[in-house]
N, C-alpha and C. Protein backbone atom coordinates (compact mmCIF):
# COMPACT_ATOMS: atom_id res chain seq x y z
N MET A 1 0.84 -1.17 0.00
CA MET A 1 0.00 0.00 0.00
C MET A 1 0.89 1.23 0.00
N SER A 2 0.63 2.13 -0.91
CA SER A 2 1.42 3.35 -0.99
C SER A 2 0.97 4.33 0.07
N GLY A 3 1.87 5.20 0.47
CA GLY A 3 1.57 6.17 1.50
C GLY A 3 1.04 7.48 0.94
N ARG A 4 0.52 7.47 -0.27
CA ARG A 4 0.02 8.70 -0.88
C ARG A 4 -1.26 9.15 -0.18
N PRO A 5 -1.43 10.46 -0.04
CA PRO A 5 -2.69 10.93 0.55
C PRO A 5 -3.85 10.68 -0.39
N LYS A 6 -5.00 10.43 0.16
CA LYS A 6 -6.19 10.10 -0.63
C LYS A 6 -7.02 11.31 -0.98
N GLY A 7 -6.69 12.48 -0.49
CA GLY A 7 -7.46 13.67 -0.78
C GLY A 7 -8.25 14.12 0.42
N ASP A 8 -8.77 15.35 0.31
CA ASP A 8 -9.55 15.87 1.42
C ASP A 8 -10.98 15.36 1.35
N LEU A 9 -11.67 15.42 2.46
CA LEU A 9 -13.01 14.87 2.65
C LEU A 9 -13.06 13.36 2.36
N THR A 10 -12.04 12.67 2.83
CA THR A 10 -12.06 11.20 2.80
C THR A 10 -11.87 10.71 4.22
N GLY A 11 -12.41 9.56 4.50
CA GLY A 11 -12.28 8.96 5.82
C GLY A 11 -12.46 7.46 5.71
N SER A 12 -12.09 6.75 6.76
CA SER A 12 -12.20 5.30 6.71
C SER A 12 -13.66 4.87 6.66
N ASN A 13 -13.95 3.96 5.77
CA ASN A 13 -15.31 3.47 5.55
C ASN A 13 -15.48 2.18 6.34
N ARG A 14 -16.40 2.15 7.28
CA ARG A 14 -16.58 0.95 8.11
C ARG A 14 -17.18 -0.20 7.34
N LEU A 15 -17.82 0.07 6.21
CA LEU A 15 -18.43 -0.99 5.42
C LEU A 15 -17.49 -1.57 4.37
N ASP A 16 -16.34 -0.93 4.15
CA ASP A 16 -15.43 -1.37 3.10
C ASP A 16 -14.03 -1.60 3.66
N ARG A 17 -13.93 -2.38 4.71
CA ARG A 17 -12.67 -2.79 5.32
C ARG A 17 -11.76 -1.62 5.69
N GLY A 18 -12.34 -0.49 6.06
CA GLY A 18 -11.57 0.64 6.52
C GLY A 18 -10.88 1.44 5.43
N LYS A 19 -11.23 1.18 4.17
CA LYS A 19 -10.63 1.96 3.09
C LYS A 19 -11.13 3.39 3.12
N LYS A 20 -10.32 4.29 2.60
CA LYS A 20 -10.71 5.70 2.54
C LYS A 20 -11.84 5.88 1.53
N GLY A 21 -12.79 6.72 1.86
CA GLY A 21 -13.91 6.95 0.96
C GLY A 21 -14.68 8.20 1.31
N SER A 22 -15.69 8.49 0.51
CA SER A 22 -16.53 9.66 0.68
C SER A 22 -18.00 9.25 0.63
N LYS A 23 -18.86 10.08 1.22
CA LYS A 23 -20.30 9.88 1.18
C LYS A 23 -20.92 10.98 0.35
N ILE A 24 -22.00 10.64 -0.32
CA ILE A 24 -22.78 11.64 -1.03
C ILE A 24 -24.10 11.79 -0.28
N HIS A 25 -24.42 13.01 0.13
CA HIS A 25 -25.66 13.31 0.83
C HIS A 25 -26.57 14.07 -0.13
N VAL A 26 -27.85 13.78 -0.08
CA VAL A 26 -28.77 14.41 -1.03
C VAL A 26 -30.11 14.69 -0.36
N ILE A 27 -30.69 15.85 -0.69
CA ILE A 27 -32.07 16.17 -0.34
C ILE A 27 -32.85 16.15 -1.64
N THR A 28 -33.95 15.40 -1.66
CA THR A 28 -34.75 15.30 -2.88
C THR A 28 -36.13 15.88 -2.62
N GLU A 29 -36.80 16.16 -3.72
CA GLU A 29 -38.20 16.56 -3.58
C GLU A 29 -39.06 15.30 -3.66
N ARG A 30 -40.35 15.45 -3.67
CA ARG A 30 -41.28 14.33 -3.52
C ARG A 30 -41.13 13.23 -4.57
N THR A 31 -40.78 13.60 -5.80
CA THR A 31 -40.68 12.60 -6.86
C THR A 31 -39.27 12.05 -7.03
N GLY A 32 -38.30 12.53 -6.25
CA GLY A 32 -36.96 12.00 -6.31
C GLY A 32 -35.96 12.87 -7.03
N LEU A 33 -36.35 14.06 -7.45
CA LEU A 33 -35.39 14.97 -8.09
C LEU A 33 -34.47 15.55 -7.03
N PRO A 34 -33.16 15.51 -7.26
CA PRO A 34 -32.24 16.06 -6.26
C PRO A 34 -32.33 17.57 -6.19
N ILE A 35 -32.43 18.08 -4.98
CA ILE A 35 -32.51 19.53 -4.75
C ILE A 35 -31.16 20.06 -4.27
N SER A 36 -30.54 19.34 -3.35
CA SER A 36 -29.27 19.76 -2.77
C SER A 36 -28.38 18.54 -2.63
N VAL A 37 -27.12 18.66 -3.03
CA VAL A 37 -26.17 17.56 -2.99
C VAL A 37 -24.91 18.04 -2.28
N ALA A 38 -24.36 17.20 -1.41
CA ALA A 38 -23.11 17.51 -0.71
C ALA A 38 -22.31 16.23 -0.53
N ILE A 39 -21.02 16.39 -0.26
CA ILE A 39 -20.16 15.23 0.02
C ILE A 39 -19.50 15.42 1.37
N SER A 40 -19.10 14.30 1.98
CA SER A 40 -18.37 14.34 3.24
C SER A 40 -17.50 13.09 3.30
N ALA A 41 -16.66 13.03 4.31
CA ALA A 41 -15.84 11.85 4.53
C ALA A 41 -16.73 10.67 4.91
N ALA A 42 -16.29 9.46 4.61
CA ALA A 42 -17.12 8.28 4.85
C ALA A 42 -17.33 8.01 6.33
N ASN A 43 -16.47 8.52 7.19
CA ASN A 43 -16.61 8.22 8.61
C ASN A 43 -17.32 9.33 9.38
N THR A 44 -17.98 10.26 8.71
CA THR A 44 -18.75 11.28 9.41
C THR A 44 -20.22 10.84 9.50
N HIS A 45 -20.88 11.28 10.55
CA HIS A 45 -22.28 10.91 10.76
C HIS A 45 -23.16 11.71 9.80
N ASP A 46 -24.24 11.09 9.36
CA ASP A 46 -25.14 11.74 8.41
C ASP A 46 -25.77 13.02 8.96
N SER A 47 -25.96 13.08 10.27
CA SER A 47 -26.61 14.26 10.84
C SER A 47 -25.75 15.51 10.71
N LEU A 48 -24.44 15.36 10.56
CA LEU A 48 -23.57 16.53 10.42
C LEU A 48 -23.72 17.19 9.06
N ALA A 49 -24.27 16.50 8.09
CA ALA A 49 -24.43 17.06 6.75
C ALA A 49 -25.79 17.72 6.55
N LEU A 50 -26.70 17.57 7.51
CA LEU A 50 -28.05 18.10 7.31
C LEU A 50 -28.09 19.63 7.26
N GLU A 51 -27.37 20.30 8.15
CA GLU A 51 -27.40 21.76 8.15
C GLU A 51 -26.88 22.37 6.86
N PRO A 52 -25.69 21.95 6.36
CA PRO A 52 -25.25 22.51 5.07
C PRO A 52 -26.18 22.17 3.92
N LEU A 53 -26.77 20.98 3.94
CA LEU A 53 -27.72 20.61 2.88
C LEU A 53 -28.97 21.48 2.94
N ALA A 54 -29.50 21.71 4.14
CA ALA A 54 -30.71 22.52 4.27
C ALA A 54 -30.44 23.97 3.89
N ARG A 55 -29.24 24.45 4.19
CA ARG A 55 -28.89 25.81 3.78
C ARG A 55 -28.69 25.91 2.27
N GLY A 56 -28.35 24.79 1.63
CA GLY A 56 -28.11 24.79 0.19
C GLY A 56 -29.35 24.61 -0.65
N VAL A 57 -30.50 24.46 -0.04
CA VAL A 57 -31.75 24.31 -0.80
C VAL A 57 -32.10 25.66 -1.43
N PRO A 58 -32.22 25.70 -2.75
CA PRO A 58 -32.57 26.98 -3.38
C PRO A 58 -34.03 27.33 -3.13
N PRO A 59 -34.40 28.61 -3.31
CA PRO A 59 -35.80 29.00 -3.15
C PRO A 59 -36.70 28.25 -4.13
N ILE A 60 -37.88 27.86 -3.68
CA ILE A 60 -38.82 27.11 -4.50
C ILE A 60 -39.77 28.09 -5.16
N ARG A 61 -39.87 27.98 -6.45
CA ARG A 61 -40.80 28.84 -7.19
C ARG A 61 -41.86 27.95 -7.81
N SER A 62 -43.10 28.27 -7.55
CA SER A 62 -44.17 27.47 -8.12
C SER A 62 -45.19 28.40 -8.75
N ARG A 63 -45.91 27.88 -9.71
CA ARG A 63 -46.93 28.68 -10.38
C ARG A 63 -48.26 28.59 -9.66
N ARG A 64 -48.39 27.55 -8.81
CA ARG A 64 -49.63 27.38 -8.06
C ARG A 64 -49.42 27.85 -6.63
N GLY A 65 -50.32 28.66 -6.15
CA GLY A 65 -50.27 29.09 -4.76
C GLY A 65 -49.20 30.13 -4.50
N PRO A 66 -49.00 30.48 -3.23
CA PRO A 66 -47.99 31.49 -2.89
C PRO A 66 -46.59 30.92 -3.07
N ARG A 67 -45.66 31.78 -3.40
CA ARG A 67 -44.27 31.34 -3.58
C ARG A 67 -43.65 31.04 -2.22
N ARG A 68 -42.99 29.89 -2.16
CA ARG A 68 -42.35 29.48 -0.92
C ARG A 68 -40.84 29.66 -1.06
N ARG A 69 -40.17 29.93 0.04
CA ARG A 69 -38.73 30.10 0.04
C ARG A 69 -38.01 28.84 0.46
N ARG A 70 -38.74 27.87 1.01
CA ARG A 70 -38.11 26.63 1.49
C ARG A 70 -39.15 25.52 1.47
N PRO A 71 -38.71 24.27 1.55
CA PRO A 71 -39.70 23.18 1.58
C PRO A 71 -40.53 23.21 2.85
N GLY A 72 -41.72 22.60 2.78
CA GLY A 72 -42.61 22.56 3.94
C GLY A 72 -42.23 21.50 4.94
N LYS A 73 -41.78 20.33 4.48
CA LYS A 73 -41.42 19.21 5.35
C LYS A 73 -40.09 18.63 4.92
N LEU A 74 -39.42 17.98 5.85
CA LEU A 74 -38.19 17.26 5.55
C LEU A 74 -38.22 15.97 6.35
N HIS A 75 -38.35 14.83 5.67
CA HIS A 75 -38.41 13.53 6.35
C HIS A 75 -36.99 13.03 6.61
N GLY A 76 -36.81 12.40 7.76
CA GLY A 76 -35.52 11.82 8.10
C GLY A 76 -35.70 10.67 9.07
N ASP A 77 -34.64 9.88 9.24
CA ASP A 77 -34.76 8.74 10.15
C ASP A 77 -34.32 9.14 11.56
N LYS A 78 -34.22 8.16 12.46
CA LYS A 78 -33.98 8.43 13.87
C LYS A 78 -32.58 8.95 14.16
N GLY A 79 -31.68 8.91 13.20
CA GLY A 79 -30.32 9.36 13.43
C GLY A 79 -30.17 10.86 13.52
N TYR A 80 -31.23 11.61 13.23
CA TYR A 80 -31.15 13.07 13.28
C TYR A 80 -31.59 13.53 14.67
N TYR A 81 -30.73 14.24 15.33
CA TYR A 81 -30.86 14.54 16.74
C TYR A 81 -31.79 15.73 17.00
N PRO A 82 -32.19 15.93 18.27
CA PRO A 82 -33.13 17.00 18.60
C PRO A 82 -32.65 18.40 18.20
N HIS A 83 -31.35 18.67 18.26
CA HIS A 83 -30.90 20.01 17.88
C HIS A 83 -31.11 20.25 16.38
N LEU A 84 -31.14 19.18 15.59
CA LEU A 84 -31.43 19.35 14.17
C LEU A 84 -32.92 19.60 13.95
N ARG A 85 -33.77 19.00 14.78
CA ARG A 85 -35.19 19.32 14.71
C ARG A 85 -35.42 20.79 15.02
N ALA A 86 -34.69 21.31 16.01
CA ALA A 86 -34.82 22.72 16.36
C ALA A 86 -34.29 23.61 15.23
N PHE A 87 -33.20 23.19 14.59
CA PHE A 87 -32.65 23.95 13.46
C PHE A 87 -33.65 24.03 12.32
N LEU A 88 -34.26 22.89 11.98
CA LEU A 88 -35.25 22.88 10.90
C LEU A 88 -36.49 23.68 11.28
N GLY A 89 -36.92 23.56 12.52
CA GLY A 89 -38.08 24.33 12.97
C GLY A 89 -37.83 25.82 12.91
N GLY A 90 -36.61 26.23 13.21
CA GLY A 90 -36.26 27.64 13.13
C GLY A 90 -36.26 28.17 11.70
N ARG A 91 -36.08 27.29 10.75
CA ARG A 91 -36.11 27.68 9.33
C ARG A 91 -37.51 27.56 8.74
N GLY A 92 -38.49 27.15 9.56
CA GLY A 92 -39.87 27.03 9.08
C GLY A 92 -40.15 25.72 8.36
N ILE A 93 -39.32 24.70 8.60
CA ILE A 93 -39.50 23.39 7.97
C ILE A 93 -40.00 22.42 9.03
N VAL A 94 -41.10 21.75 8.76
CA VAL A 94 -41.65 20.78 9.70
C VAL A 94 -40.83 19.49 9.58
N PRO A 95 -40.20 19.05 10.68
CA PRO A 95 -39.40 17.83 10.61
C PRO A 95 -40.15 16.60 11.13
N PRO A 96 -40.83 15.82 10.27
CA PRO A 96 -41.47 14.59 10.75
C PRO A 96 -40.44 13.47 10.90
N ILE A 97 -39.55 13.62 11.89
CA ILE A 97 -38.48 12.66 12.14
C ILE A 97 -38.89 11.80 13.33
N ALA A 98 -38.78 10.49 13.18
CA ALA A 98 -39.13 9.58 14.27
C ALA A 98 -38.16 9.79 15.43
N ARG A 99 -38.68 9.78 16.66
CA ARG A 99 -37.85 9.98 17.84
C ARG A 99 -37.40 8.63 18.38
N ARG A 100 -36.19 8.58 18.87
CA ARG A 100 -35.62 7.34 19.39
C ARG A 100 -36.38 6.87 20.62
N GLY A 101 -36.73 5.59 20.63
CA GLY A 101 -37.40 4.99 21.77
C GLY A 101 -38.86 5.34 21.92
N ILE A 102 -39.38 6.24 21.09
CA ILE A 102 -40.77 6.67 21.23
C ILE A 102 -41.60 6.23 20.03
N GLU A 103 -41.12 6.57 18.83
CA GLU A 103 -41.88 6.28 17.62
C GLU A 103 -41.17 5.26 16.75
N SER A 104 -41.95 4.61 15.92
CA SER A 104 -41.40 3.66 14.97
C SER A 104 -41.07 4.39 13.67
N SER A 105 -39.99 3.98 13.03
CA SER A 105 -39.63 4.61 11.75
C SER A 105 -40.13 3.78 10.57
N SER A 106 -41.06 2.87 10.82
CA SER A 106 -41.54 2.00 9.74
C SER A 106 -42.32 2.79 8.68
N ARG A 107 -43.00 3.85 9.08
CA ARG A 107 -43.76 4.63 8.11
C ARG A 107 -42.86 5.50 7.24
N LEU A 108 -41.60 5.61 7.60
CA LEU A 108 -40.65 6.40 6.83
C LEU A 108 -40.32 5.74 5.50
N GLY A 109 -40.50 4.44 5.39
CA GLY A 109 -40.13 3.70 4.19
C GLY A 109 -40.78 4.21 2.92
N ARG A 110 -42.01 4.68 3.01
CA ARG A 110 -42.70 5.16 1.81
C ARG A 110 -42.09 6.44 1.29
N HIS A 111 -41.36 7.19 2.12
CA HIS A 111 -40.68 8.39 1.67
C HIS A 111 -39.20 8.12 1.38
N ARG A 112 -38.62 7.21 2.13
CA ARG A 112 -37.19 6.97 2.04
C ARG A 112 -36.78 6.33 0.73
N TRP A 113 -37.63 5.51 0.13
CA TRP A 113 -37.22 4.81 -1.08
C TRP A 113 -36.98 5.78 -2.22
N MET A 114 -37.63 6.95 -2.21
CA MET A 114 -37.37 7.97 -3.23
C MET A 114 -35.93 8.46 -3.13
N VAL A 115 -35.48 8.71 -1.91
CA VAL A 115 -34.11 9.18 -1.71
C VAL A 115 -33.12 8.08 -2.08
N GLU A 116 -33.42 6.84 -1.67
CA GLU A 116 -32.53 5.73 -2.00
C GLU A 116 -32.45 5.52 -3.51
N ARG A 117 -33.55 5.70 -4.20
CA ARG A 117 -33.54 5.58 -5.66
C ARG A 117 -32.67 6.67 -6.29
N THR A 118 -32.76 7.90 -5.77
CA THR A 118 -31.94 8.99 -6.29
C THR A 118 -30.47 8.74 -6.02
N VAL A 119 -30.13 8.20 -4.85
CA VAL A 119 -28.74 7.87 -4.55
C VAL A 119 -28.24 6.78 -5.49
N SER A 120 -29.09 5.83 -5.84
CA SER A 120 -28.67 4.79 -6.78
C SER A 120 -28.49 5.37 -8.18
N TRP A 121 -29.30 6.37 -8.56
CA TRP A 121 -29.09 7.04 -9.83
C TRP A 121 -27.74 7.76 -9.84
N LEU A 122 -27.41 8.39 -8.71
CA LEU A 122 -26.11 9.06 -8.62
C LEU A 122 -24.96 8.06 -8.66
N ALA A 123 -25.15 6.91 -8.00
CA ALA A 123 -24.10 5.89 -8.00
C ALA A 123 -23.94 5.25 -9.37
N GLY A 124 -24.95 5.38 -10.23
CA GLY A 124 -24.83 4.85 -11.59
C GLY A 124 -23.85 5.63 -12.45
N CYS A 125 -23.50 6.82 -12.03
CA CYS A 125 -22.50 7.60 -12.76
C CYS A 125 -21.12 7.08 -12.36
N ARG A 126 -20.33 6.75 -13.35
CA ARG A 126 -19.05 6.09 -13.10
C ARG A 126 -18.11 6.94 -12.26
N ARG A 127 -18.12 8.25 -12.45
CA ARG A 127 -17.22 9.11 -11.69
C ARG A 127 -17.60 9.19 -10.23
N LEU A 128 -18.83 8.85 -9.89
CA LEU A 128 -19.26 8.93 -8.50
C LEU A 128 -19.26 7.57 -7.82
N HIS A 129 -19.29 6.51 -8.61
CA HIS A 129 -19.30 5.17 -8.02
C HIS A 129 -17.99 4.91 -7.27
N ARG A 130 -16.91 5.33 -7.85
CA ARG A 130 -15.61 5.23 -7.21
C ARG A 130 -14.96 6.59 -7.33
N ARG A 131 -14.39 7.08 -6.25
CA ARG A 131 -13.82 8.43 -6.27
C ARG A 131 -12.44 8.40 -6.92
N TYR A 132 -12.33 9.03 -8.07
CA TYR A 132 -11.07 9.11 -8.79
C TYR A 132 -10.33 10.42 -8.50
N GLU A 133 -11.03 11.43 -8.06
CA GLU A 133 -10.45 12.75 -7.86
C GLU A 133 -9.87 12.87 -6.46
N ARG A 134 -8.76 13.56 -6.36
CA ARG A 134 -8.19 13.82 -5.05
C ARG A 134 -8.82 15.03 -4.40
N ARG A 135 -9.16 16.01 -5.19
CA ARG A 135 -9.71 17.26 -4.63
C ARG A 135 -11.21 17.11 -4.41
N ALA A 136 -11.64 17.53 -3.23
CA ALA A 136 -13.06 17.39 -2.87
C ALA A 136 -13.94 18.29 -3.71
N ASP A 137 -13.45 19.46 -4.10
CA ASP A 137 -14.29 20.34 -4.91
C ASP A 137 -14.54 19.77 -6.30
N HIS A 138 -13.57 19.02 -6.84
CA HIS A 138 -13.80 18.36 -8.13
C HIS A 138 -14.86 17.27 -8.00
N PHE A 139 -14.75 16.46 -6.94
CA PHE A 139 -15.71 15.39 -6.72
C PHE A 139 -17.11 15.97 -6.47
N GLY A 140 -17.18 17.04 -5.70
CA GLY A 140 -18.47 17.70 -5.46
C GLY A 140 -19.07 18.28 -6.73
N SER A 141 -18.21 18.78 -7.62
CA SER A 141 -18.69 19.31 -8.90
C SER A 141 -19.26 18.21 -9.77
N PHE A 142 -18.60 17.05 -9.78
CA PHE A 142 -19.13 15.93 -10.55
C PHE A 142 -20.46 15.44 -9.97
N ALA A 143 -20.60 15.50 -8.64
CA ALA A 143 -21.88 15.13 -8.02
C ALA A 143 -22.97 16.12 -8.43
N ALA A 144 -22.63 17.41 -8.50
CA ALA A 144 -23.62 18.41 -8.91
C ALA A 144 -23.99 18.24 -10.38
N ILE A 145 -23.02 17.91 -11.22
CA ILE A 145 -23.30 17.66 -12.64
C ILE A 145 -24.21 16.44 -12.80
N ALA A 146 -23.93 15.39 -12.03
CA ALA A 146 -24.77 14.19 -12.09
C ALA A 146 -26.20 14.50 -11.63
N ALA A 147 -26.35 15.34 -10.60
CA ALA A 147 -27.68 15.72 -10.13
C ALA A 147 -28.41 16.52 -11.20
N ALA A 148 -27.68 17.40 -11.89
CA ALA A 148 -28.30 18.18 -12.97
C ALA A 148 -28.73 17.27 -14.12
N LEU A 149 -27.92 16.27 -14.43
CA LEU A 149 -28.29 15.31 -15.49
C LEU A 149 -29.52 14.50 -15.10
N ILE A 150 -29.61 14.12 -13.84
CA ILE A 150 -30.79 13.38 -13.37
C ILE A 150 -32.04 14.25 -13.53
N CYS A 151 -31.93 15.51 -13.13
CA CYS A 151 -33.07 16.44 -13.27
C CYS A 151 -33.43 16.60 -14.74
N TYR A 152 -32.45 16.75 -15.59
CA TYR A 152 -32.70 16.93 -17.02
C TYR A 152 -33.41 15.70 -17.61
N ARG A 153 -32.92 14.51 -17.28
CA ARG A 153 -33.52 13.29 -17.81
C ARG A 153 -34.95 13.10 -17.33
N ARG A 154 -35.20 13.40 -16.04
CA ARG A 154 -36.54 13.22 -15.48
C ARG A 154 -37.53 14.25 -16.04
N LEU A 155 -37.07 15.48 -16.24
CA LEU A 155 -37.97 16.53 -16.69
C LEU A 155 -38.24 16.50 -18.19
N THR A 156 -37.39 15.83 -18.96
CA THR A 156 -37.63 15.74 -20.40
C THR A 156 -38.45 14.53 -20.79
N LYS A 157 -38.77 13.66 -19.85
CA LYS A 157 -39.61 12.49 -20.16
C LYS A 157 -41.03 12.89 -20.39
């Protein structure tokens, strides 16, 4: 094994024998179109990426009803802590996140599969399936390009 650095925003992946890797985090809308995409090291907790992702959501413009500046709800699993619920509530987003030890997250499955499908679409891009770039901004740019391609393909159908 060479001692070369693997690049920034990489960390040991517990699912891949401790190899260095990155995670792709995504917020999607109801039909699975990616709204906000970010990357982090593989050994960081998912809850740490929620604040930058929520801040990265662009204003929503719709032709029906009043114009909204942010989404109305954001679904998440039990790994998102109470301070994140307070952060989302302060931004005017209702967080229907199951609480640990109190609620079941079984009803989350009907919303979660949309996000999982979008992540699999992103993983279908060869540049994102395996990280070839050393610089995190290059890898993040390829993730943003892949998200734009997914939106383009879905909206032209």
